[in-house]
N, C-alpha and C. Protein backbone atom coordinates (compact mmCIF):
# COMPACT_ATOMS: atom_id res chain seq x y z
N MET A 1 0.88 -1.26 -0.16
CA MET A 1 -0.08 0.11 -0.08
C MET A 1 1.08 1.14 0.11
N GLN A 2 0.52 2.32 -0.88
CA GLN A 2 1.12 3.77 -0.97
C GLN A 2 1.06 4.41 0.53
N LYS A 3 2.09 5.09 0.73
CA LYS A 3 2.13 5.97 1.85
C LYS A 3 1.50 7.15 1.53
N THR A 4 0.60 7.66 2.08
CA THR A 4 0.26 9.08 1.71
C THR A 4 1.27 10.41 2.43
N PHE A 5 1.24 11.58 1.84
CA PHE A 5 1.90 12.41 2.48
C PHE A 5 0.73 13.79 2.47
N ASP A 6 1.16 14.31 3.65
CA ASP A 6 0.37 15.68 3.76
C ASP A 6 1.23 17.11 3.57
N LEU A 7 0.34 17.99 2.79
CA LEU A 7 1.19 19.20 2.64
C LEU A 7 0.30 20.29 3.28
N GLU A 8 0.85 21.02 3.38
CA GLU A 8 0.22 22.49 3.77
C GLU A 8 0.60 23.41 2.87
N VAL A 9 -0.13 24.40 1.95
CA VAL A 9 0.15 25.54 1.08
C VAL A 9 -0.61 26.58 1.45
N ASP A 10 -0.08 27.64 1.75
CA ASP A 10 -0.88 28.94 1.93
C ASP A 10 -2.16 28.56 2.96
N GLY A 11 -1.76 27.75 3.94
CA GLY A 11 -2.84 27.71 4.97
C GLY A 11 -4.04 26.49 4.66
N LEU A 12 -3.84 25.86 3.54
CA LEU A 12 -4.56 25.21 3.01
C LEU A 12 -4.02 23.76 3.08
N LYS A 13 -4.89 22.75 3.65
CA LYS A 13 -4.06 21.52 4.03
C LYS A 13 -4.71 20.19 2.85
N PHE A 14 -3.54 19.46 2.60
CA PHE A 14 -4.01 18.42 1.41
C PHE A 14 -3.14 17.27 1.87
N GLN A 15 -4.01 16.13 1.35
CA GLN A 15 -3.57 14.68 1.34
C GLN A 15 -3.34 14.30 0.26
N CYS A 16 -2.11 13.42 -0.08
CA CYS A 16 -1.71 13.12 -1.43
C CYS A 16 -1.13 12.00 -1.16
N LEU A 17 -1.57 10.96 -2.41
CA LEU A 17 -1.03 9.45 -2.65
C LEU A 17 0.35 9.91 -3.68
N PRO A 18 1.11 9.09 -3.63
CA PRO A 18 2.20 8.93 -4.71
C PRO A 18 1.58 8.76 -5.95
N LEU A 19 2.02 9.77 -6.86
CA LEU A 19 1.67 9.26 -8.21
C LEU A 19 2.10 8.10 -8.91
N PRO A 20 1.19 7.04 -9.47
CA PRO A 20 1.55 6.04 -10.17
C PRO A 20 2.71 6.16 -10.96
N LEU A 21 3.66 4.94 -11.02
CA LEU A 21 4.95 5.05 -11.92
C LEU A 21 4.84 5.73 -13.42
N THR A 22 3.34 5.31 -14.10
CA THR A 22 3.61 5.61 -15.31
C THR A 22 3.30 7.02 -15.39
N THR A 23 2.53 7.66 -14.55
CA THR A 23 2.17 9.08 -14.21
C THR A 23 3.47 9.89 -14.37
N ARG A 24 4.19 9.30 -13.21
CA ARG A 24 5.51 10.15 -13.01
C ARG A 24 6.24 9.86 -13.98
N LEU A 25 6.38 8.79 -14.60
CA LEU A 25 7.41 9.05 -15.88
C LEU A 25 6.92 10.02 -16.98
N ARG A 26 5.53 10.14 -17.30
CA ARG A 26 5.18 11.18 -18.06
C ARG A 26 5.50 12.76 -17.73
N LEU A 27 5.12 12.58 -16.61
CA LEU A 27 5.06 14.38 -15.96
C LEU A 27 6.68 14.41 -16.12
N ASP A 28 7.24 13.73 -15.40
CA ASP A 28 8.83 13.95 -15.45
C ASP A 28 9.42 14.15 -16.80
N LYS A 29 9.21 13.50 -18.06
CA LYS A 29 9.32 13.79 -19.47
C LYS A 29 8.71 15.04 -19.65
N GLN A 30 7.49 15.38 -19.38
CA GLN A 30 7.15 16.64 -19.76
C GLN A 30 7.77 17.80 -19.03
N LEU A 31 8.23 17.69 -17.75
CA LEU A 31 8.72 18.54 -16.80
C LEU A 31 9.98 19.13 -17.16
N LEU A 32 10.77 17.97 -17.65
CA LEU A 32 12.19 18.42 -18.28
C LEU A 32 12.01 19.21 -19.12
N THR A 33 11.41 18.96 -20.21
CA THR A 33 11.39 19.60 -21.44
C THR A 33 11.01 21.34 -21.00
N LEU A 34 9.68 21.25 -20.47
CA LEU A 34 9.15 22.41 -19.97
C LEU A 34 10.30 23.32 -19.02
N LEU A 35 10.70 22.65 -17.80
CA LEU A 35 11.82 23.41 -16.98
C LEU A 35 13.11 23.66 -17.51
N SER A 36 13.35 23.01 -18.53
CA SER A 36 14.94 23.00 -18.86
C SER A 36 15.33 24.51 -18.97
N PRO A 37 14.87 25.19 -19.55
CA PRO A 37 15.03 26.92 -19.85
C PRO A 37 15.43 27.16 -18.27
N VAL A 38 14.67 26.88 -17.47
CA VAL A 38 14.74 27.62 -15.89
C VAL A 38 15.39 26.78 -14.98
N ALA A 39 15.69 25.53 -15.29
CA ALA A 39 16.21 24.51 -14.52
C ALA A 39 17.37 25.24 -13.43
N LYS A 40 18.31 25.71 -13.99
CA LYS A 40 19.54 26.21 -13.43
C LYS A 40 18.87 27.22 -12.38
N THR A 41 18.02 28.17 -12.76
CA THR A 41 17.58 29.24 -11.87
C THR A 41 16.74 28.63 -10.44
N ILE A 42 16.16 27.39 -10.90
CA ILE A 42 15.20 26.72 -9.73
C ILE A 42 16.58 25.98 -8.78
N SER A 43 17.66 25.49 -9.62
CA SER A 43 18.25 24.55 -8.92
C SER A 43 19.38 25.33 -8.03
N THR A 44 19.65 26.91 -7.97
CA THR A 44 20.45 27.49 -7.52
C THR A 44 20.05 28.33 -6.75
N ALA A 45 18.76 28.54 -6.84
CA ALA A 45 17.71 29.36 -5.88
C ALA A 45 17.66 28.92 -4.46
N PRO A 46 17.62 30.10 -3.40
CA PRO A 46 17.87 29.69 -2.19
C PRO A 46 16.58 29.18 -1.79
N ASN A 47 15.61 29.21 -2.50
CA ASN A 47 14.20 28.42 -2.14
C ASN A 47 13.69 28.00 -3.39
N GLU A 48 13.91 26.86 -3.80
CA GLU A 48 13.73 26.41 -5.12
C GLU A 48 11.84 26.43 -5.46
N LEU A 49 11.05 26.17 -4.22
CA LEU A 49 9.78 26.44 -4.50
C LEU A 49 9.34 27.99 -5.06
N ILE A 50 9.83 28.93 -4.53
CA ILE A 50 9.25 30.23 -4.81
C ILE A 50 10.03 30.29 -6.34
N ALA A 51 11.33 29.80 -6.59
CA ALA A 51 11.79 29.83 -7.83
C ALA A 51 11.05 29.24 -9.20
N ALA A 52 10.68 28.10 -8.41
CA ALA A 52 9.83 27.29 -9.31
C ALA A 52 8.48 28.11 -9.73
N VAL A 53 7.65 28.42 -8.77
CA VAL A 53 6.57 29.30 -8.99
C VAL A 53 6.54 30.54 -9.85
N GLN A 54 7.61 31.32 -9.34
CA GLN A 54 7.91 32.37 -10.11
C GLN A 54 8.36 32.43 -11.71
N ALA A 55 8.77 30.92 -11.84
CA ALA A 55 9.05 30.61 -13.21
C ALA A 55 7.61 30.26 -14.11
N MET A 56 6.93 29.79 -13.37
CA MET A 56 5.75 28.97 -14.23
C MET A 56 5.24 30.03 -15.02
N PRO A 57 4.90 31.40 -14.76
CA PRO A 57 4.14 32.19 -15.96
C PRO A 57 5.31 32.06 -17.60
N GLU A 58 6.56 32.13 -17.45
CA GLU A 58 7.37 32.28 -18.35
C GLU A 58 7.05 30.82 -18.97
N VAL A 59 7.30 29.61 -18.32
CA VAL A 59 7.39 28.56 -18.80
C VAL A 59 6.08 27.92 -19.23
N PHE A 60 4.61 28.20 -18.71
CA PHE A 60 3.57 27.75 -19.28
C PHE A 60 3.06 28.93 -20.42
N GLN A 61 3.64 29.86 -20.84
CA GLN A 61 2.75 30.99 -21.42
C GLN A 61 2.46 30.30 -23.01
N ASN A 62 3.59 29.75 -23.59
CA ASN A 62 3.42 28.95 -24.69
C ASN A 62 2.85 27.58 -24.89
N LEU A 63 2.62 27.03 -23.67
CA LEU A 63 2.01 25.91 -23.57
C LEU A 63 0.39 25.90 -23.67
N PRO A 64 -0.10 25.08 -24.90
CA PRO A 64 -1.52 25.05 -25.22
C PRO A 64 -2.53 24.74 -24.00
N ASP A 65 -3.56 25.50 -24.10
CA ASP A 65 -4.28 25.67 -22.92
C ASP A 65 -4.97 23.73 -22.64
N ALA A 66 -5.14 23.15 -23.57
CA ALA A 66 -5.47 21.78 -23.26
C ALA A 66 -4.22 20.86 -22.65
N ASP A 67 -2.76 21.18 -23.18
CA ASP A 67 -1.73 20.64 -22.60
C ASP A 67 -1.79 21.21 -21.17
N PHE A 68 -1.86 22.51 -20.84
CA PHE A 68 -1.66 23.01 -19.37
C PHE A 68 -2.82 22.34 -18.47
N LEU A 69 -3.88 22.19 -18.94
CA LEU A 69 -5.05 21.86 -18.16
C LEU A 69 -4.82 20.45 -17.84
N GLN A 70 -4.42 19.85 -18.88
CA GLN A 70 -3.72 18.07 -18.73
C GLN A 70 -2.80 17.88 -17.63
N LEU A 71 -1.96 18.92 -17.87
CA LEU A 71 -0.60 18.94 -16.73
C LEU A 71 -1.41 19.01 -15.03
N VAL A 72 -2.21 20.13 -15.22
CA VAL A 72 -2.69 20.19 -13.68
C VAL A 72 -3.78 19.18 -13.32
N SER A 73 -4.66 18.71 -14.23
CA SER A 73 -5.25 17.19 -13.69
C SER A 73 -4.38 16.48 -13.44
N ILE A 74 -3.36 16.07 -14.29
CA ILE A 74 -2.45 14.61 -14.01
C ILE A 74 -1.98 14.93 -12.50
N THR A 75 -1.37 16.24 -12.27
CA THR A 75 -0.37 16.48 -11.19
C THR A 75 -1.19 16.44 -9.82
N LEU A 76 -2.60 16.73 -9.84
CA LEU A 76 -3.74 16.67 -8.73
C LEU A 76 -4.51 15.36 -8.83
N GLN A 77 -4.34 14.74 -9.76
CA GLN A 77 -5.17 13.22 -9.59
C GLN A 77 -5.35 12.28 -8.44
N THR A 78 -4.32 12.35 -7.47
CA THR A 78 -4.09 11.69 -6.32
C THR A 78 -4.13 12.53 -4.88
N THR A 79 -4.71 13.81 -5.01
CA THR A 79 -4.69 14.84 -4.01
C THR A 79 -6.01 15.26 -3.47
N THR A 80 -6.31 15.17 -2.27
CA THR A 80 -7.24 15.36 -1.43
C THR A 80 -7.07 16.76 -0.72
N ALA A 81 -8.00 17.61 -0.76
CA ALA A 81 -8.09 18.98 -0.31
C ALA A 81 -8.77 18.65 1.19
N ILE A 82 -8.35 19.15 2.48
CA ILE A 82 -8.90 18.78 3.66
C ILE A 82 -9.67 20.04 4.07
N THR A 83 -10.58 20.25 4.23
CA THR A 83 -11.50 21.64 4.62
C THR A 83 -12.05 21.01 5.61
N SER A 84 -12.37 22.20 6.51
CA SER A 84 -13.05 22.19 7.49
C SER A 84 -14.78 22.47 7.49
N ASP A 85 -14.90 22.80 6.57
CA ASP A 85 -16.40 23.14 6.28
C ASP A 85 -17.08 22.30 5.00
N LYS A 86 -15.95 21.79 4.08
CA LYS A 86 -16.85 21.08 2.85
C LYS A 86 -15.86 19.60 3.14
N GLY A 87 -15.25 19.25 4.12
CA GLY A 87 -14.64 17.81 4.35
C GLY A 87 -13.66 17.55 3.25
N ALA A 88 -13.78 16.54 3.01
CA ALA A 88 -12.20 16.26 2.06
C ALA A 88 -12.71 16.02 0.85
N LEU A 89 -12.18 17.00 -0.29
CA LEU A 89 -12.74 16.99 -1.80
C LEU A 89 -11.37 16.73 -2.66
N SER A 90 -11.64 15.74 -3.20
CA SER A 90 -10.70 15.00 -4.32
C SER A 90 -10.58 16.00 -5.33
N LEU A 91 -9.14 16.76 -5.72
CA LEU A 91 -8.79 17.43 -6.85
C LEU A 91 -8.36 17.09 -8.02
N ALA A 92 -8.93 15.69 -8.39
CA ALA A 92 -8.79 15.06 -9.40
C ALA A 92 -10.58 15.67 -9.84
N GLU A 93 -11.41 16.22 -9.35
CA GLU A 93 -12.63 16.66 -9.77
C GLU A 93 -12.12 18.44 -10.05
N GLU A 94 -12.37 18.45 -11.26
CA GLU A 94 -12.42 20.46 -11.59
C GLU A 94 -13.25 21.22 -10.59
N MET A 95 -14.28 20.62 -10.63
CA MET A 95 -15.23 21.55 -9.63
C MET A 95 -14.85 21.81 -8.02
N ASN A 96 -14.17 20.76 -7.87
CA ASN A 96 -13.55 20.96 -6.28
C ASN A 96 -12.29 21.63 -6.59
N ARG A 97 -11.40 21.66 -7.55
CA ARG A 97 -10.51 23.03 -7.60
C ARG A 97 -10.81 23.81 -7.69
N GLU A 98 -12.16 24.24 -8.39
CA GLU A 98 -12.71 25.47 -8.61
C GLU A 98 -13.02 26.09 -7.27
N ALA A 99 -13.47 25.12 -6.15
CA ALA A 99 -14.08 25.59 -4.74
C ALA A 99 -12.65 25.83 -3.78
N ILE A 100 -11.65 25.42 -4.22
CA ILE A 100 -10.48 25.48 -3.41
C ILE A 100 -9.49 26.55 -3.87
N PHE A 101 -9.11 26.74 -5.14
CA PHE A 101 -8.19 27.85 -5.50
C PHE A 101 -8.69 29.21 -5.75
N ASP A 102 -8.43 29.95 -5.06
CA ASP A 102 -9.20 31.30 -5.28
C ASP A 102 -7.59 32.14 -5.84
N LYS A 103 -6.57 31.75 -5.52
CA LYS A 103 -5.39 32.06 -5.94
C LYS A 103 -4.58 31.18 -6.70
N LEU A 104 -4.21 31.54 -7.89
CA LEU A 104 -3.31 30.49 -8.72
C LEU A 104 -2.17 30.42 -8.31
N THR A 105 -1.60 31.33 -7.51
CA THR A 105 -0.03 31.10 -7.03
C THR A 105 -0.17 29.96 -5.87
N THR A 106 -1.56 29.74 -5.24
CA THR A 106 -1.58 28.48 -4.56
C THR A 106 -1.73 27.14 -5.10
N LEU A 107 -2.11 27.11 -6.17
CA LEU A 107 -2.35 25.94 -6.92
C LEU A 107 -0.90 25.71 -7.59
N TYR A 108 -0.21 26.80 -7.88
CA TYR A 108 1.14 26.46 -8.61
C TYR A 108 2.02 25.90 -7.48
N LYS A 109 1.87 26.42 -6.13
CA LYS A 109 2.63 25.83 -5.09
C LYS A 109 2.51 24.36 -4.75
N LEU A 110 1.29 24.34 -4.96
CA LEU A 110 0.75 22.70 -4.71
C LEU A 110 1.33 21.83 -5.56
N MET A 111 1.15 22.25 -6.92
CA MET A 111 1.64 21.26 -7.77
C MET A 111 3.02 21.11 -7.93
N VAL A 112 4.26 22.42 -7.54
CA VAL A 112 5.54 22.15 -7.30
C VAL A 112 5.98 21.10 -6.33
N GLU A 113 5.20 21.34 -5.15
CA GLU A 113 5.25 20.67 -3.90
C GLU A 113 4.93 18.93 -4.27
N ILE A 114 3.81 18.57 -4.77
CA ILE A 114 3.64 17.46 -5.53
C ILE A 114 4.64 17.10 -6.27
N TRP A 115 5.13 17.57 -7.10
CA TRP A 115 6.17 17.08 -7.90
C TRP A 115 7.53 17.04 -7.16
N ARG A 116 8.02 17.55 -6.16
CA ARG A 116 9.07 17.54 -5.24
C ARG A 116 8.63 16.22 -4.63
N GLN A 117 7.67 15.71 -3.88
CA GLN A 117 7.27 14.89 -3.19
C GLN A 117 7.35 13.69 -3.97
N ASN A 118 7.06 13.55 -5.37
CA ASN A 118 7.13 12.46 -6.19
C ASN A 118 8.55 12.35 -6.84
N LYS A 119 9.47 13.03 -6.45
CA LYS A 119 11.13 12.83 -6.68
C LYS A 119 11.01 13.23 -8.04
N LEU A 120 10.36 14.12 -8.82
CA LEU A 120 10.69 14.34 -10.38
C LEU A 120 12.19 14.88 -10.58
N THR A 121 12.81 14.65 -11.76
CA THR A 121 14.13 14.83 -11.79
C THR A 121 14.70 16.16 -11.58
N VAL A 122 13.88 17.26 -11.96
CA VAL A 122 14.47 18.72 -11.76
C VAL A 122 14.10 18.81 -10.57
N PHE A 123 13.76 18.38 -9.71
CA PHE A 123 13.60 18.71 -8.14
C PHE A 123 14.51 18.05 -7.47
N VAL A 124 14.74 16.85 -7.65
CA VAL A 124 15.82 16.10 -7.55
C VAL A 124 17.10 16.44 -7.52
N LEU A 125 17.60 16.85 -8.70
CA LEU A 125 18.76 17.47 -9.30
C LEU A 125 19.02 19.11 -8.28
N ALA A 126 17.75 19.67 -8.31
CA ALA A 126 17.89 20.99 -7.45
C ALA A 126 18.20 20.54 -6.10
N ALA A 127 17.61 19.60 -5.41
CA ALA A 127 17.87 19.14 -3.99
C ALA A 127 19.50 18.68 -3.72
N ASN A 128 19.85 18.00 -4.82
CA ASN A 128 21.14 17.34 -4.96
C ASN A 128 22.35 18.44 -4.90
N ARG A 129 22.05 19.64 -6.08
CA ARG A 129 22.96 20.75 -6.07
C ARG A 129 23.07 21.74 -4.50
N SER A 130 21.83 21.68 -4.01
CA SER A 130 21.62 22.44 -2.79
C SER A 130 22.63 21.63 -1.42
N ILE A 131 22.89 20.56 -1.45
CA ILE A 131 23.65 19.69 -0.42
C ILE A 131 24.85 19.49 -0.92
N GLY A 132 25.13 20.06 -2.26
CA GLY A 132 26.60 19.72 -2.68
C GLY A 132 26.83 18.49 -3.54
N GLY A 133 25.73 17.53 -3.54
CA GLY A 133 25.63 16.37 -4.51
C GLY A 133 25.71 16.38 -5.68
């Protein structure tokens, strides 16, 4: 059984399952392509989360809408928002994402945290560089 991990972003609580291997492979390939122009900036920044979130507009501006929305859906498919008023909401559902994210930066921060927790290559390389590996 896969172990869940908890995240808190901008005061919101989330519970996530690791993404399936085939999903991680697809995301890794896509993110390596998308983030390669800004990977050095992310990997050498004092705070890679902030650097990655700040890079998102530049990275995603030329990505077709359908591809971007698919990236969001795939990233959030195993994530649940834990709310006090609405209970647990699966972020695999678009209407639940609409109810949770009033700021896109919160969504982007969550996506980056999910990518980091799933040990996607860009973030593993960044972590290794920050500790001298």
